[in-house]
C-alpha atoms as a PDB file:
ATOM      1  CA  MET A   1      -9.510 -18.421  23.280  1.00  0.00           C
ATOM      2  CA  LYS A   2      -7.271 -19.696  20.485  1.00  0.00           C
ATOM      3  CA  VAL A   3      -6.002 -17.602  17.588  1.00  0.00           C
ATOM      4  CA  TYR A   4      -4.922 -19.136  14.292  1.00  0.00           C
ATOM      5  CA  VAL A   5      -2.887 -17.192  11.740  1.00  0.00           C
ATOM      6  CA  THR A   6      -3.604 -18.558   8.275  1.00  0.00           C
ATOM      7  CA  GLY A   7      -1.594 -16.102   6.236  1.00  0.00           C
ATOM      8  CA  LEU A   8       0.147 -12.752   6.095  1.00  0.00           C
ATOM      9  CA  GLY A   9      -0.217  -9.925   3.658  1.00  0.00           C
ATOM     10  CA  VAL A  10       0.512  -6.251   3.191  1.00  0.00           C
ATOM     11  CA  VAL A  11      -1.131  -3.705   0.921  1.00  0.00           C
ATOM     12  CA  SER A  12       0.386  -0.228   1.167  1.00  0.00           C
ATOM     13  CA  GLY A  13       1.411   2.778  -0.841  1.00  0.00           C
ATOM     14  CA  ILE A  14       4.856   1.259  -1.429  1.00  0.00           C
ATOM     15  CA  GLY A  15       3.856  -2.175  -2.565  1.00  0.00           C
ATOM     16  CA  LEU A  16       1.531  -5.119  -2.841  1.00  0.00           C
ATOM     17  CA  GLY A  17       2.659  -8.093  -0.797  1.00  0.00           C
ATOM     18  CA  ILE A  18       5.366  -8.633   1.778  1.00  0.00           C
ATOM     19  CA  GLU A  19       8.223  -9.025  -0.710  1.00  0.00           C
ATOM     20  CA  GLU A  20       7.409  -5.843  -2.648  1.00  0.00           C
ATOM     21  CA  ASN A  21       7.006  -3.834   0.564  1.00  0.00           C
ATOM     22  CA  MET A  22      10.297  -5.128   1.976  1.00  0.00           C
ATOM     23  CA  ALA A  23      12.122  -4.293  -1.270  1.00  0.00           C
ATOM     24  CA  SER A  24      10.652  -0.779  -1.256  1.00  0.00           C
ATOM     25  CA  MET A  25      11.710  -0.257   2.365  1.00  0.00           C
ATOM     26  CA  LYS A  26      15.231  -1.458   1.623  1.00  0.00           C
ATOM     27  CA  MET A  27      15.383   1.066  -1.247  1.00  0.00           C
ATOM     28  CA  GLN A  28      14.065   3.699   1.205  1.00  0.00           C
ATOM     29  CA  LYS A  29      10.918   4.415  -0.813  1.00  0.00           C
ATOM     30  CA  HIS A  30       8.356   6.300   1.237  1.00  0.00           C
ATOM     31  CA  GLY A  31       5.386   6.283  -1.136  1.00  0.00           C
ATOM     32  CA  MET A  32       4.281   9.771  -0.075  1.00  0.00           C
ATOM     33  CA  ASP A  33       2.960  12.087  -2.792  1.00  0.00           C
ATOM     34  CA  LYS A  34       0.023  14.319  -3.636  1.00  0.00           C
ATOM     35  CA  ILE A  35      -3.466  12.831  -3.871  1.00  0.00           C
ATOM     36  CA  THR A  36      -4.132  11.570  -7.416  1.00  0.00           C
ATOM     37  CA  LEU A  37      -7.016   9.101  -7.186  1.00  0.00           C
ATOM     38  CA  PHE A  38      -9.745  11.666  -6.508  1.00  0.00           C
ATOM     39  CA  SER A  39     -10.138  15.418  -6.622  1.00  0.00           C
ATOM     40  CA  THR A  40      -9.624  17.366  -3.413  1.00  0.00           C
ATOM     41  CA  GLU A  41      -8.628  20.800  -2.289  1.00  0.00           C
ATOM     42  CA  LEU A  42      -6.257  19.313   0.274  1.00  0.00           C
ATOM     43  CA  ASP A  43      -2.593  19.750  -0.487  1.00  0.00           C
ATOM     44  CA  VAL A  44      -1.064  17.221   1.866  1.00  0.00           C
ATOM     45  CA  PRO A  45       1.178  14.240   1.136  1.00  0.00           C
ATOM     46  CA  VAL A  46      -0.473  10.829   1.394  1.00  0.00           C
ATOM     47  CA  SER A  47       0.476   7.254   0.674  1.00  0.00           C
ATOM     48  CA  GLU A  48      -2.118   5.995  -1.819  1.00  0.00           C
ATOM     49  CA  VAL A  49      -2.678   2.355  -2.695  1.00  0.00           C
ATOM     50  CA  LYS A  50      -2.778   2.639  -6.486  1.00  0.00           C
ATOM     51  CA  TYR A  51      -4.350  -0.710  -7.323  1.00  0.00           C
ATOM     52  CA  ASN A  52      -7.910  -1.266  -8.501  1.00  0.00           C
ATOM     53  CA  TYR A  53     -10.317  -3.831  -7.059  1.00  0.00           C
ATOM     54  CA  SER A  54      -9.563  -6.541  -9.612  1.00  0.00           C
ATOM     55  CA  GLU A  55      -5.792  -6.182  -9.078  1.00  0.00           C
ATOM     56  CA  LEU A  56      -6.242  -6.472  -5.319  1.00  0.00           C
ATOM     57  CA  THR A  57      -8.426  -9.595  -5.548  1.00  0.00           C
ATOM     58  CA  GLU A  58      -5.954 -11.526  -7.730  1.00  0.00           C
END
């Protein structure tokens, strides 16, 4: 079996794309905070991806 890598990408709570994520890591950003994108009774820190569908497909 052969595997071909055609690209790399990262979408996380600290950035969109490899460069933004690397910059956030260098600045020691963790991206952890309370849940804001939907209502919940949970009170735990999470790392939300705060981009909408159209922003992610660009």
